[in-house]
PDB file of N, CA and C in Angstrom:
ATOM      1  N   UNK A   1     173.221 275.326  70.987  1.00  0.00           N
ATOM      2  CA  UNK A   1     173.790 274.377  70.059  1.00  0.00           C
ATOM      3  C   UNK A   1     173.464 274.835  68.640  1.00  0.00           C
ATOM      4  N   UNK A   2     174.468 274.855  67.797  1.00  0.00           N
ATOM      5  CA  UNK A   2     174.263 275.234  66.405  1.00  0.00           C
ATOM      6  C   UNK A   2     173.553 274.105  65.660  1.00  0.00           C
ATOM      7  N   UNK A   3     172.978 274.461  64.531  1.00  0.00           N
ATOM      8  CA  UNK A   3     172.281 273.437  63.751  1.00  0.00           C
ATOM      9  C   UNK A   3     173.261 272.410  63.189  1.00  0.00           C
ATOM     10  N   UNK A   4     174.486 272.828  62.891  1.00  0.00           N
ATOM     11  CA  UNK A   4     175.471 271.862  62.400  1.00  0.00           C
ATOM     12  C   UNK A   4     175.894 270.911  63.515  1.00  0.00           C
ATOM     13  N   UNK A   5     175.962 271.409  64.741  1.00  0.00           N
ATOM     14  CA  UNK A   5     176.279 270.529  65.869  1.00  0.00           C
ATOM     15  C   UNK A   5     175.192 269.483  66.073  1.00  0.00           C
ATOM     16  N   UNK A   6     173.949 269.910  65.948  1.00  0.00           N
ATOM     17  CA  UNK A   6     172.838 268.972  66.088  1.00  0.00           C
ATOM     18  C   UNK A   6     172.876 267.931  64.975  1.00  0.00           C
ATOM     19  N   UNK A   7     173.235 268.354  63.776  1.00  0.00           N
ATOM     20  CA  UNK A   7     173.356 267.416  62.654  1.00  0.00           C
ATOM     21  C   UNK A   7     174.421 266.369  62.932  1.00  0.00           C
ATOM     22  N   UNK A   8     175.561 266.794  63.469  1.00  0.00           N
ATOM     23  CA  UNK A   8     176.634 265.847  63.798  1.00  0.00           C
ATOM     24  C   UNK A   8     176.204 264.871  64.897  1.00  0.00           C
ATOM     25  N   UNK A   9     175.481 265.375  65.882  1.00  0.00           N
ATOM     26  CA  UNK A   9     175.009 264.507  66.966  1.00  0.00           C
ATOM     27  C   UNK A   9     174.038 263.468  66.426  1.00  0.00           C
ATOM     28  N   UNK A  10     173.081 263.895  65.605  1.00  0.00           N
ATOM     29  CA  UNK A  10     172.103 262.955  65.050  1.00  0.00           C
ATOM     30  C   UNK A  10     172.760 261.964  64.093  1.00  0.00           C
ATOM     31  N   UNK A  11     173.710 262.420  63.304  1.00  0.00           N
ATOM     32  CA  UNK A  11     174.410 261.512  62.395  1.00  0.00           C
ATOM     33  C   UNK A  11     175.228 260.489  63.184  1.00  0.00           C
ATOM     34  N   UNK A  12     175.864 260.915  64.252  1.00  0.00           N
ATOM     35  CA  UNK A  12     176.625 259.999  65.093  1.00  0.00           C
ATOM     36  C   UNK A  12     175.730 258.983  65.779  1.00  0.00           C
ATOM     37  N   UNK A  13     174.592 259.445  66.280  1.00  0.00           N
ATOM     38  CA  UNK A  13     173.644 258.525  66.917  1.00  0.00           C
ATOM     39  C   UNK A  13     173.069 257.532  65.905  1.00  0.00           C
ATOM     40  N   UNK A  14     172.808 257.992  64.688  1.00  0.00           N
ATOM     41  CA  UNK A  14     172.302 257.088  63.655  1.00  0.00           C
ATOM     42  C   UNK A  14     173.359 256.047  63.292  1.00  0.00           C
ATOM     43  N   UNK A  15     174.617 256.452  63.233  1.00  0.00           N
ATOM     44  CA  UNK A  15     175.690 255.503  62.951  1.00  0.00           C
ATOM     45  C   UNK A  15     175.848 254.464  64.048  1.00  0.00           C
ATOM     46  N   UNK A  16     175.777 254.905  65.285  1.00  0.00           N
ATOM     47  CA  UNK A  16     175.888 253.970  66.410  1.00  0.00           C
ATOM     48  C   UNK A  16     174.703 253.010  66.423  1.00  0.00           C
ATOM     49  N   UNK A  17     173.502 253.528  66.189  1.00  0.00           N
ATOM     50  CA  UNK A  17     172.322 252.679  66.144  1.00  0.00           C
ATOM     51  C   UNK A  17     172.423 251.650  65.012  1.00  0.00           C
ATOM     52  N   UNK A  18     172.933 252.074  63.866  1.00  0.00           N
ATOM     53  CA  UNK A  18     173.113 251.166  62.740  1.00  0.00           C
ATOM     54  C   UNK A  18     174.069 250.044  63.089  1.00  0.00           C
ATOM     55  N   UNK A  19     175.181 250.361  63.726  1.00  0.00           N
ATOM     56  CA  UNK A  19     176.146 249.330  64.103  1.00  0.00           C
ATOM     57  C   UNK A  19     175.587 248.370  65.145  1.00  0.00           C
ATOM     58  N   UNK A  20     174.817 248.886  66.095  1.00  0.00           N
ATOM     59  CA  UNK A  20     174.223 248.023  67.121  1.00  0.00           C
ATOM     60  C   UNK A  20     173.214 247.069  66.498  1.00  0.00           C
ATOM     61  N   UNK A  21     172.371 247.581  65.606  1.00  0.00           N
ATOM     62  CA  UNK A  21     171.378 246.727  64.953  1.00  0.00           C
ATOM     63  C   UNK A  21     172.064 245.706  64.064  1.00  0.00           C
ATOM     64  N   UNK A  22     173.101 246.106  63.339  1.00  0.00           N
ATOM     65  CA  UNK A  22     173.860 245.179  62.495  1.00  0.00           C
ATOM     66  C   UNK A  22     174.476 244.064  63.333  1.00  0.00           C
ATOM     67  N   UNK A  23     175.049 244.417  64.453  1.00  0.00           N
ATOM     68  CA  UNK A  23     175.640 243.399  65.322  1.00  0.00           C
ATOM     69  C   UNK A  23     174.562 242.448  65.855  1.00  0.00           C
ATOM     70  N   UNK A  24     173.437 243.004  66.288  1.00  0.00           N
ATOM     71  CA  UNK A  24     172.403 242.181  66.914  1.00  0.00           C
ATOM     72  C   UNK A  24     171.674 241.291  65.914  1.00  0.00           C
ATOM     73  N   UNK A  25     171.413 241.788  64.713  1.00  0.00           N
ATOM     74  CA  UNK A  25     170.572 241.054  63.772  1.00  0.00           C
ATOM     75  C   UNK A  25     171.355 240.265  62.732  1.00  0.00           C
ATOM     76  N   UNK A  26     172.619 240.598  62.509  1.00  0.00           N
ATOM     77  CA  UNK A  26     173.357 239.928  61.445  1.00  0.00           C
ATOM     78  C   UNK A  26     174.593 239.211  61.978  1.00  0.00           C
ATOM     79  N   UNK A  27     175.434 239.893  62.728  1.00  0.00           N
ATOM     80  CA  UNK A  27     176.702 239.298  63.156  1.00  0.00           C
ATOM     81  C   UNK A  27     176.482 238.209  64.208  1.00  0.00           C
ATOM     82  N   UNK A  28     175.678 238.477  65.205  1.00  0.00           N
ATOM     83  CA  UNK A  28     175.477 237.500  66.282  1.00  0.00           C
ATOM     84  C   UNK A  28     174.839 236.209  65.767  1.00  0.00           C
ATOM     85  N   UNK A  29     173.763 236.268  64.958  1.00  0.00           N
ATOM     86  CA  UNK A  29     173.239 234.998  64.423  1.00  0.00           C
ATOM     87  C   UNK A  29     174.232 234.268  63.521  1.00  0.00           C
ATOM     88  N   UNK A  30     175.004 235.012  62.728  1.00  0.00           N
ATOM     89  CA  UNK A  30     176.013 234.371  61.881  1.00  0.00           C
ATOM     90  C   UNK A  30     177.097 233.730  62.746  1.00  0.00           C
ATOM     91  N   UNK A  31     177.468 234.378  63.816  1.00  0.00           N
ATOM     92  CA  UNK A  31     178.493 233.856  64.722  1.00  0.00           C
ATOM     93  C   UNK A  31     178.015 232.579  65.407  1.00  0.00           C
ATOM     94  N   UNK A  32     176.748 232.555  65.809  1.00  0.00           N
ATOM     95  CA  UNK A  32     176.212 231.394  66.532  1.00  0.00           C
ATOM     96  C   UNK A  32     175.896 230.208  65.617  1.00  0.00           C
ATOM     97  N   UNK A  33     175.836 230.441  64.320  1.00  0.00           N
ATOM     98  CA  UNK A  33     175.457 229.371  63.391  1.00  0.00           C
ATOM     99  C   UNK A  33     176.578 228.372  63.153  1.00  0.00           C
ATOM    100  N   UNK A  34     177.804 228.735  63.478  1.00  0.00           N
ATOM    101  CA  UNK A  34     178.944 227.871  63.191  1.00  0.00           C
ATOM    102  C   UNK A  34     179.646 227.466  64.472  1.00  0.00           C
ATOM    103  N   UNK A  35     180.392 226.364  64.388  1.00  0.00           N
ATOM    104  CA  UNK A  35     181.020 225.815  65.580  1.00  0.00           C
ATOM    105  C   UNK A  35     182.482 226.180  65.747  1.00  0.00           C
ATOM    106  N   UNK A  36     183.239 226.142  64.670  1.00  0.00           N
ATOM    107  CA  UNK A  36     184.678 226.393  64.821  1.00  0.00           C
ATOM    108  C   UNK A  36     184.972 227.888  64.705  1.00  0.00           C
ATOM    109  N   UNK A  37     186.114 228.277  65.231  1.00  0.00           N
ATOM    110  CA  UNK A  37     186.458 229.700  65.296  1.00  0.00           C
ATOM    111  C   UNK A  37     186.671 230.296  63.924  1.00  0.00           C
ATOM    112  N   UNK A  38     187.243 229.523  62.975  1.00  0.00           N
ATOM    113  CA  UNK A  38     187.511 230.112  61.662  1.00  0.00           C
ATOM    114  C   UNK A  38     186.218 230.287  60.863  1.00  0.00           C
ATOM    115  N   UNK A  39     185.245 229.392  61.036  1.00  0.00           N
ATOM    116  CA  UNK A  39     183.958 229.565  60.376  1.00  0.00           C
ATOM    117  C   UNK A  39     183.219 230.773  60.943  1.00  0.00           C
ATOM    118  N   UNK A  40     183.314 230.951  62.236  1.00  0.00           N
ATOM    119  CA  UNK A  40     182.685 232.119  62.857  1.00  0.00           C
ATOM    120  C   UNK A  40     183.339 233.410  62.386  1.00  0.00           C
ATOM    121  N   UNK A  41     184.650 233.411  62.288  1.00  0.00           N
ATOM    122  CA  UNK A  41     185.362 234.610  61.837  1.00  0.00           C
ATOM    123  C   UNK A  41     185.009 234.968  60.397  1.00  0.00           C
ATOM    124  N   UNK A  42     184.950 233.952  59.544  1.00  0.00           N
ATOM    125  CA  UNK A  42     184.587 234.203  58.145  1.00  0.00           C
ATOM    126  C   UNK A  42     183.155 234.710  58.045  1.00  0.00           C
ATOM    127  N   UNK A  43     182.249 234.157  58.824  1.00  0.00           N
ATOM    128  CA  UNK A  43     180.861 234.620  58.815  1.00  0.00           C
ATOM    129  C   UNK A  43     180.770 236.070  59.271  1.00  0.00           C
ATOM    130  N   UNK A  44     181.557 236.442  60.269  1.00  0.00           N
ATOM    131  CA  UNK A  44     181.548 237.834  60.738  1.00  0.00           C
ATOM    132  C   UNK A  44     182.119 238.774  59.680  1.00  0.00           C
ATOM    133  N   UNK A  45     183.186 238.355  59.010  1.00  0.00           N
ATOM    134  CA  UNK A  45     183.788 239.200  57.968  1.00  0.00           C
ATOM    135  C   UNK A  45     182.833 239.335  56.787  1.00  0.00           C
ATOM    136  N   UNK A  46     182.193 238.239  56.380  1.00  0.00           N
ATOM    137  CA  UNK A  46     181.269 238.306  55.262  1.00  0.00           C
ATOM    138  C   UNK A  46     180.021 239.129  55.583  1.00  0.00           C
ATOM    139  N   UNK A  47     179.694 239.253  56.848  1.00  0.00           N
ATOM    140  CA  UNK A  47     178.543 240.079  57.202  1.00  0.00           C
ATOM    141  C   UNK A  47     178.817 241.563  56.976  1.00  0.00           C
ATOM    142  N   UNK A  48     180.092 241.919  56.829  1.00  0.00           N
ATOM    143  CA  UNK A  48     180.424 243.307  56.493  1.00  0.00           C
ATOM    144  C   UNK A  48     179.863 243.651  55.115  1.00  0.00           C
ATOM    145  N   UNK A  49     179.803 242.676  54.201  1.00  0.00           N
ATOM    146  CA  UNK A  49     179.200 242.917  52.899  1.00  0.00           C
ATOM    147  C   UNK A  49     177.707 243.212  53.033  1.00  0.00           C
ATOM    148  N   UNK A  50     177.060 242.551  53.952  1.00  0.00           N
ATOM    149  CA  UNK A  50     175.650 242.828  54.202  1.00  0.00           C
ATOM    150  C   UNK A  50     175.494 244.250  54.734  1.00  0.00           C
ATOM    151  N   UNK A  51     176.381 244.647  55.641  1.00  0.00           N
ATOM    152  CA  UNK A  51     176.346 246.016  56.164  1.00  0.00           C
ATOM    153  C   UNK A  51     176.551 247.025  55.046  1.00  0.00           C
ATOM    154  N   UNK A  52     177.510 246.773  54.155  1.00  0.00           N
ATOM    155  CA  UNK A  52     177.761 247.688  53.043  1.00  0.00           C
ATOM    156  C   UNK A  52     176.546 247.784  52.126  1.00  0.00           C
ATOM    157  N   UNK A  53     175.890 246.662  51.875  1.00  0.00           N
ATOM    158  CA  UNK A  53     174.693 246.686  51.032  1.00  0.00           C
ATOM    159  C   UNK A  53     173.574 247.487  51.686  1.00  0.00           C
ATOM    160  N   UNK A  54     173.408 247.336  52.989  1.00  0.00           N
ATOM    161  CA  UNK A  54     172.374 248.095  53.684  1.00  0.00           C
ATOM    162  C   UNK A  54     172.677 249.592  53.697  1.00  0.00           C
ATOM    163  N   UNK A  55     173.942 249.941  53.885  1.00  0.00           N
ATOM    164  CA  UNK A  55     174.330 251.357  53.879  1.00  0.00           C
ATOM    165  C   UNK A  55     174.123 251.955  52.488  1.00  0.00           C
ATOM    166  N   UNK A  56     174.524 251.230  51.444  1.00  0.00           N
ATOM    167  CA  UNK A  56     174.330 251.734  50.086  1.00  0.00           C
ATOM    168  C   UNK A  56     172.852 251.853  49.731  1.00  0.00           C
ATOM    169  N   UNK A  57     172.048 250.907  50.158  1.00  0.00           N
ATOM    170  CA  UNK A  57     170.612 250.992  49.900  1.00  0.00           C
ATOM    171  C   UNK A  57     170.005 252.199  50.619  1.00  0.00           C
ATOM    172  N   UNK A  58     170.398 252.421  51.849  1.00  0.00           N
ATOM    173  CA  UNK A  58     169.900 253.582  52.587  1.00  0.00           C
ATOM    174  C   UNK A  58     170.346 254.896  51.972  1.00  0.00           C
ATOM    175  N   UNK A  59     171.594 254.937  51.518  1.00  0.00           N
ATOM    176  CA  UNK A  59     172.093 256.152  50.864  1.00  0.00           C
ATOM    177  C   UNK A  59     171.360 256.394  49.550  1.00  0.00           C
ATOM    178  N   UNK A  60     171.084 255.333  48.821  1.00  0.00           N
ATOM    179  CA  UNK A  60     170.344 255.478  47.566  1.00  0.00           C
ATOM    180  C   UNK A  60     168.932 255.962  47.786  1.00  0.00           C
ATOM    181  N   UNK A  61     168.268 255.433  48.783  1.00  0.00           N
ATOM    182  CA  UNK A  61     166.910 255.876  49.100  1.00  0.00           C
ATOM    183  C   UNK A  61     166.923 257.333  49.553  1.00  0.00           C
ATOM    184  N   UNK A  62     167.889 257.676  50.397  1.00  0.00           N
ATOM    185  CA  UNK A  62     167.999 259.066  50.836  1.00  0.00           C
ATOM    186  C   UNK A  62     168.275 260.019  49.687  1.00  0.00           C
ATOM    187  N   UNK A  63     169.165 259.624  48.778  1.00  0.00           N
ATOM    188  CA  UNK A  63     169.454 260.456  47.613  1.00  0.00           C
ATOM    189  C   UNK A  63     168.218 260.614  46.739  1.00  0.00           C
ATOM    190  N   UNK A  64     167.493 259.520  46.537  1.00  0.00           N
ATOM    191  CA  UNK A  64     166.283 259.593  45.716  1.00  0.00           C
ATOM    192  C   UNK A  64     165.241 260.505  46.353  1.00  0.00           C
ATOM    193  N   UNK A  65     165.089 260.425  47.669  1.00  0.00           N
ATOM    194  CA  UNK A  65     164.134 261.309  48.338  1.00  0.00           C
ATOM    195  C   UNK A  65     164.534 262.774  48.213  1.00  0.00           C
ATOM    196  N   UNK A  66     165.813 263.054  48.382  1.00  0.00           N
ATOM    197  CA  UNK A  66     166.266 264.435  48.232  1.00  0.00           C
ATOM    198  C   UNK A  66     166.136 264.917  46.797  1.00  0.00           C
ATOM    199  N   UNK A  67     166.457 264.060  45.855  1.00  0.00           N
ATOM    200  CA  UNK A  67     166.411 264.447  44.444  1.00  0.00           C
ATOM    201  C   UNK A  67     164.981 264.746  44.009  1.00  0.00           C
ATOM    202  N   UNK A  68     164.050 263.868  44.348  1.00  0.00           N
ATOM    203  CA  UNK A  68     162.682 264.050  43.905  1.00  0.00           C
ATOM    204  C   UNK A  68     161.901 265.048  44.752  1.00  0.00           C
ATOM    205  N   UNK A  69     162.375 265.396  45.915  1.00  0.00           N
ATOM    206  CA  UNK A  69     161.674 266.405  46.710  1.00  0.00           C
ATOM    207  C   UNK A  69     162.010 267.811  46.251  1.00  0.00           C
ATOM    208  N   UNK A  70     163.058 267.994  45.477  1.00  0.00           N
ATOM    209  CA  UNK A  70     163.439 269.328  44.987  1.00  0.00           C
ATOM    210  C   UNK A  70     162.792 269.677  43.661  1.00  0.00           C
ATOM    211  N   UNK A  71     162.119 268.733  43.045  1.00  0.00           N
ATOM    212  CA  UNK A  71     161.510 269.000  41.726  1.00  0.00           C
ATOM    213  C   UNK A  71     160.204 269.722  41.915  1.00  0.00           C
TER     214      UNK A  71
END
């Protein structure tokens, strides 16, 4: 296996793990907190903003680590 193949495998596994954790810790509790279908749907859609914030925070931390490790 090439090193680029291993990178793709690890990146794919990290993405899948991120989605599973997001579903388990954010979407499911938001879904269970409401009674009607439209409130549940809106809560699930709004949780995408939480996912985007977590992804951006992780990307920022990763960028900062790479930037400051090269100095």
